[in-house]
């Protein structure tokens, strides 16, 4: 099993920046993909960004050019640098990893962007 601990998040004005971090522990050797999802009030959870163990990245169209995902395989961590934040980026952000074909989720961290 894999345990995920998230940090970061908070309240920021539109145009500001935040950085989310997620540290994995447990069976980290089996982790393939690491990423971030978000869920806005009344909406479905959606993929924000993901990175494979080889460094290939995938971003939601809505965050391309503003968010950057990075991964440290040696430390089993994944980070999401969020710049030029918009009110529509508000939501609960969840760290997600796939390990041995099983998805694991963090507890979620709130990001609120005020206009």
C-alpha atoms as a PDB file:
ATOM      1  CA  UNK A   1       0.000   0.000   0.000  1.00  0.00           C
ATOM      2  CA  UNK A   2       0.934   3.632  -0.456  1.00  0.00           C
ATOM      3  CA  UNK A   3       0.262   6.510   1.892  1.00  0.00           C
ATOM      4  CA  UNK A   4       0.131  10.087   0.629  1.00  0.00           C
ATOM      5  CA  UNK A   5       0.612  13.263   2.628  1.00  0.00           C
ATOM      6  CA  UNK A   6      -0.188  16.567   0.981  1.00  0.00           C
ATOM      7  CA  UNK A   7       0.900  20.052   1.930  1.00  0.00           C
ATOM      8  CA  UNK A   8       0.369  23.515   0.545  1.00  0.00           C
ATOM      9  CA  UNK A   9      -2.840  25.077  -0.606  1.00  0.00           C
ATOM     10  CA  UNK A  10      -4.661  27.991   0.956  1.00  0.00           C
ATOM     11  CA  UNK A  11      -6.195  31.287  -0.034  1.00  0.00           C
ATOM     12  CA  UNK A  12      -4.691  33.499  -2.707  1.00  0.00           C
ATOM     13  CA  UNK A  13      -5.812  36.388  -4.855  1.00  0.00           C
ATOM     14  CA  UNK A  14      -6.305  35.981  -8.583  1.00  0.00           C
ATOM     15  CA  UNK A  15      -2.985  36.186 -10.376  1.00  0.00           C
ATOM     16  CA  UNK A  16      -1.103  34.778  -7.429  1.00  0.00           C
ATOM     17  CA  UNK A  17       0.804  31.536  -7.003  1.00  0.00           C
ATOM     18  CA  UNK A  18       0.653  28.471  -4.786  1.00  0.00           C
ATOM     19  CA  UNK A  19       2.676  25.302  -4.552  1.00  0.00           C
ATOM     20  CA  UNK A  20       1.289  21.917  -3.591  1.00  0.00           C
ATOM     21  CA  UNK A  21       3.461  19.046  -2.465  1.00  0.00           C
ATOM     22  CA  UNK A  22       2.745  15.379  -1.930  1.00  0.00           C
ATOM     23  CA  UNK A  23       4.979  12.815  -0.289  1.00  0.00           C
ATOM     24  CA  UNK A  24       4.427   9.106  -0.762  1.00  0.00           C
ATOM     25  CA  UNK A  25       5.458   6.355   1.609  1.00  0.00           C
ATOM     26  CA  UNK A  26       4.985   2.616   1.787  1.00  0.00           C
ATOM     27  CA  UNK A  27       5.294   0.583  -1.398  1.00  0.00           C
ATOM     28  CA  UNK A  28       6.756   3.483  -3.371  1.00  0.00           C
ATOM     29  CA  UNK A  29       8.810   1.169  -5.583  1.00  0.00           C
ATOM     30  CA  UNK A  30       5.611   0.219  -7.398  1.00  0.00           C
ATOM     31  CA  UNK A  31       4.512   3.781  -8.201  1.00  0.00           C
ATOM     32  CA  UNK A  32       4.196   4.552 -11.875  1.00  0.00           C
ATOM     33  CA  UNK A  33       2.144   7.696 -12.416  1.00  0.00           C
ATOM     34  CA  UNK A  34       1.864  10.573  -9.942  1.00  0.00           C
ATOM     35  CA  UNK A  35      -0.531  13.435 -10.379  1.00  0.00           C
ATOM     36  CA  UNK A  36      -3.022  15.947  -9.097  1.00  0.00           C
ATOM     37  CA  UNK A  37      -6.775  16.082  -9.456  1.00  0.00           C
ATOM     38  CA  UNK A  38      -9.173  18.740  -8.302  1.00  0.00           C
ATOM     39  CA  UNK A  39     -12.826  18.935  -7.456  1.00  0.00           C
ATOM     40  CA  UNK A  40     -14.773  22.176  -7.487  1.00  0.00           C
ATOM     41  CA  UNK A  41     -18.070  22.495  -5.621  1.00  0.00           C
ATOM     42  CA  UNK A  42     -20.824  20.759  -7.537  1.00  0.00           C
ATOM     43  CA  UNK A  43     -18.450  19.393 -10.150  1.00  0.00           C
ATOM     44  CA  UNK A  44     -16.775  16.092 -10.835  1.00  0.00           C
ATOM     45  CA  UNK A  45     -13.197  15.448  -9.901  1.00  0.00           C
ATOM     46  CA  UNK A  46     -10.916  16.196 -12.840  1.00  0.00           C
ATOM     47  CA  UNK A  47      -7.301  15.583 -13.751  1.00  0.00           C
ATOM     48  CA  UNK A  48      -5.104  18.648 -13.423  1.00  0.00           C
ATOM     49  CA  UNK A  49      -1.683  17.230 -14.232  1.00  0.00           C
ATOM     50  CA  UNK A  50       0.190  13.953 -14.146  1.00  0.00           C
ATOM     51  CA  UNK A  51       3.756  12.770 -14.595  1.00  0.00           C
ATOM     52  CA  UNK A  52       5.104   9.314 -15.306  1.00  0.00           C
ATOM     53  CA  UNK A  53       8.184   7.762 -13.744  1.00  0.00           C
ATOM     54  CA  UNK A  54      10.102   8.729 -16.883  1.00  0.00           C
ATOM     55  CA  UNK A  55       9.037  12.349 -16.667  1.00  0.00           C
ATOM     56  CA  UNK A  56       6.349  12.491 -19.316  1.00  0.00           C
ATOM     57  CA  UNK A  57       3.714  15.020 -18.341  1.00  0.00           C
ATOM     58  CA  UNK A  58       0.066  15.594 -19.114  1.00  0.00           C
ATOM     59  CA  UNK A  59      -1.937  18.720 -18.285  1.00  0.00           C
ATOM     60  CA  UNK A  60      -5.553  19.738 -18.443  1.00  0.00           C
ATOM     61  CA  UNK A  61      -6.050  22.320 -21.171  1.00  0.00           C
ATOM     62  CA  UNK A  62      -7.296  24.816 -18.610  1.00  0.00           C
ATOM     63  CA  UNK A  63      -3.965  24.873 -16.755  1.00  0.00           C
ATOM     64  CA  UNK A  64      -1.445  24.560 -19.573  1.00  0.00           C
ATOM     65  CA  UNK A  65       1.134  27.324 -19.420  1.00  0.00           C
ATOM     66  CA  UNK A  66       0.211  28.197 -15.837  1.00  0.00           C
ATOM     67  CA  UNK A  67       0.812  25.023 -13.811  1.00  0.00           C
ATOM     68  CA  UNK A  68       3.924  22.882 -13.691  1.00  0.00           C
ATOM     69  CA  UNK A  69       4.107  19.396 -12.246  1.00  0.00           C
ATOM     70  CA  UNK A  70       7.408  17.991 -11.054  1.00  0.00           C
ATOM     71  CA  UNK A  71       8.470  14.726  -9.524  1.00  0.00           C
ATOM     72  CA  UNK A  72      11.400  13.541  -7.440  1.00  0.00           C
ATOM     73  CA  UNK A  73      11.637   9.781  -7.787  1.00  0.00           C
ATOM     74  CA  UNK A  74      14.383   9.505  -5.173  1.00  0.00           C
ATOM     75  CA  UNK A  75      12.171  11.169  -2.566  1.00  0.00           C
ATOM     76  CA  UNK A  76       8.855   9.823  -3.881  1.00  0.00           C
ATOM     77  CA  UNK A  77       7.385  13.289  -4.034  1.00  0.00           C
ATOM     78  CA  UNK A  78       5.340  15.197  -6.554  1.00  0.00           C
ATOM     79  CA  UNK A  79       4.731  18.926  -6.602  1.00  0.00           C
ATOM     80  CA  UNK A  80       2.390  21.232  -8.464  1.00  0.00           C
ATOM     81  CA  UNK A  81       3.477  24.822  -8.983  1.00  0.00           C
ATOM     82  CA  UNK A  82       0.441  26.928  -9.765  1.00  0.00           C
ATOM     83  CA  UNK A  83       0.940  30.396 -11.231  1.00  0.00           C
ATOM     84  CA  UNK A  84      -1.456  32.995 -12.574  1.00  0.00           C
ATOM     85  CA  UNK A  85      -4.234  31.469 -10.537  1.00  0.00           C
ATOM     86  CA  UNK A  86      -7.830  32.172 -11.485  1.00  0.00           C
ATOM     87  CA  UNK A  87     -11.024  31.975  -9.412  1.00  0.00           C
ATOM     88  CA  UNK A  88     -12.048  28.944 -11.470  1.00  0.00           C
ATOM     89  CA  UNK A  89      -9.010  27.092 -10.103  1.00  0.00           C
ATOM     90  CA  UNK A  90     -10.731  26.994  -6.729  1.00  0.00           C
ATOM     91  CA  UNK A  91     -11.383  23.540  -5.382  1.00  0.00           C
ATOM     92  CA  UNK A  92     -10.029  20.665  -3.358  1.00  0.00           C
ATOM     93  CA  UNK A  93      -6.826  19.328  -4.855  1.00  0.00           C
ATOM     94  CA  UNK A  94      -6.004  15.659  -4.422  1.00  0.00           C
ATOM     95  CA  UNK A  95      -2.690  13.931  -4.899  1.00  0.00           C
ATOM     96  CA  UNK A  96      -3.042  10.669  -6.774  1.00  0.00           C
ATOM     97  CA  UNK A  97      -0.612   7.876  -7.554  1.00  0.00           C
ATOM     98  CA  UNK A  98      -0.921   4.614  -9.386  1.00  0.00           C
ATOM     99  CA  UNK A  99       1.003   1.797  -7.753  1.00  0.00           C
ATOM    100  CA  UNK A 100       0.802  -1.737  -9.032  1.00  0.00           C
ATOM    101  CA  UNK A 101      -2.269  -0.763 -10.985  1.00  0.00           C
ATOM    102  CA  UNK A 102      -4.054   0.489  -7.882  1.00  0.00           C
ATOM    103  CA  UNK A 103      -4.946   4.171  -7.439  1.00  0.00           C
ATOM    104  CA  UNK A 104      -4.221   5.883  -4.132  1.00  0.00           C
ATOM    105  CA  UNK A 105      -5.505   9.273  -3.027  1.00  0.00           C
ATOM    106  CA  UNK A 106      -4.359  11.916  -0.616  1.00  0.00           C
ATOM    107  CA  UNK A 107      -6.724  13.534   1.841  1.00  0.00           C
ATOM    108  CA  UNK A 108      -7.119  16.650  -0.282  1.00  0.00           C
ATOM    109  CA  UNK A 109      -6.073  20.244   0.255  1.00  0.00           C
ATOM    110  CA  UNK A 110      -8.221  23.303  -0.322  1.00  0.00           C
ATOM    111  CA  UNK A 111      -7.197  25.944  -2.834  1.00  0.00           C
ATOM    112  CA  UNK A 112      -9.270  29.106  -2.910  1.00  0.00           C
ATOM    113  CA  UNK A 113      -8.620  31.877  -5.412  1.00  0.00           C
ATOM    114  CA  UNK A 114     -10.395  35.147  -4.740  1.00  0.00           C
ATOM    115  CA  UNK A 115     -11.237  37.596  -7.481  1.00  0.00           C
END
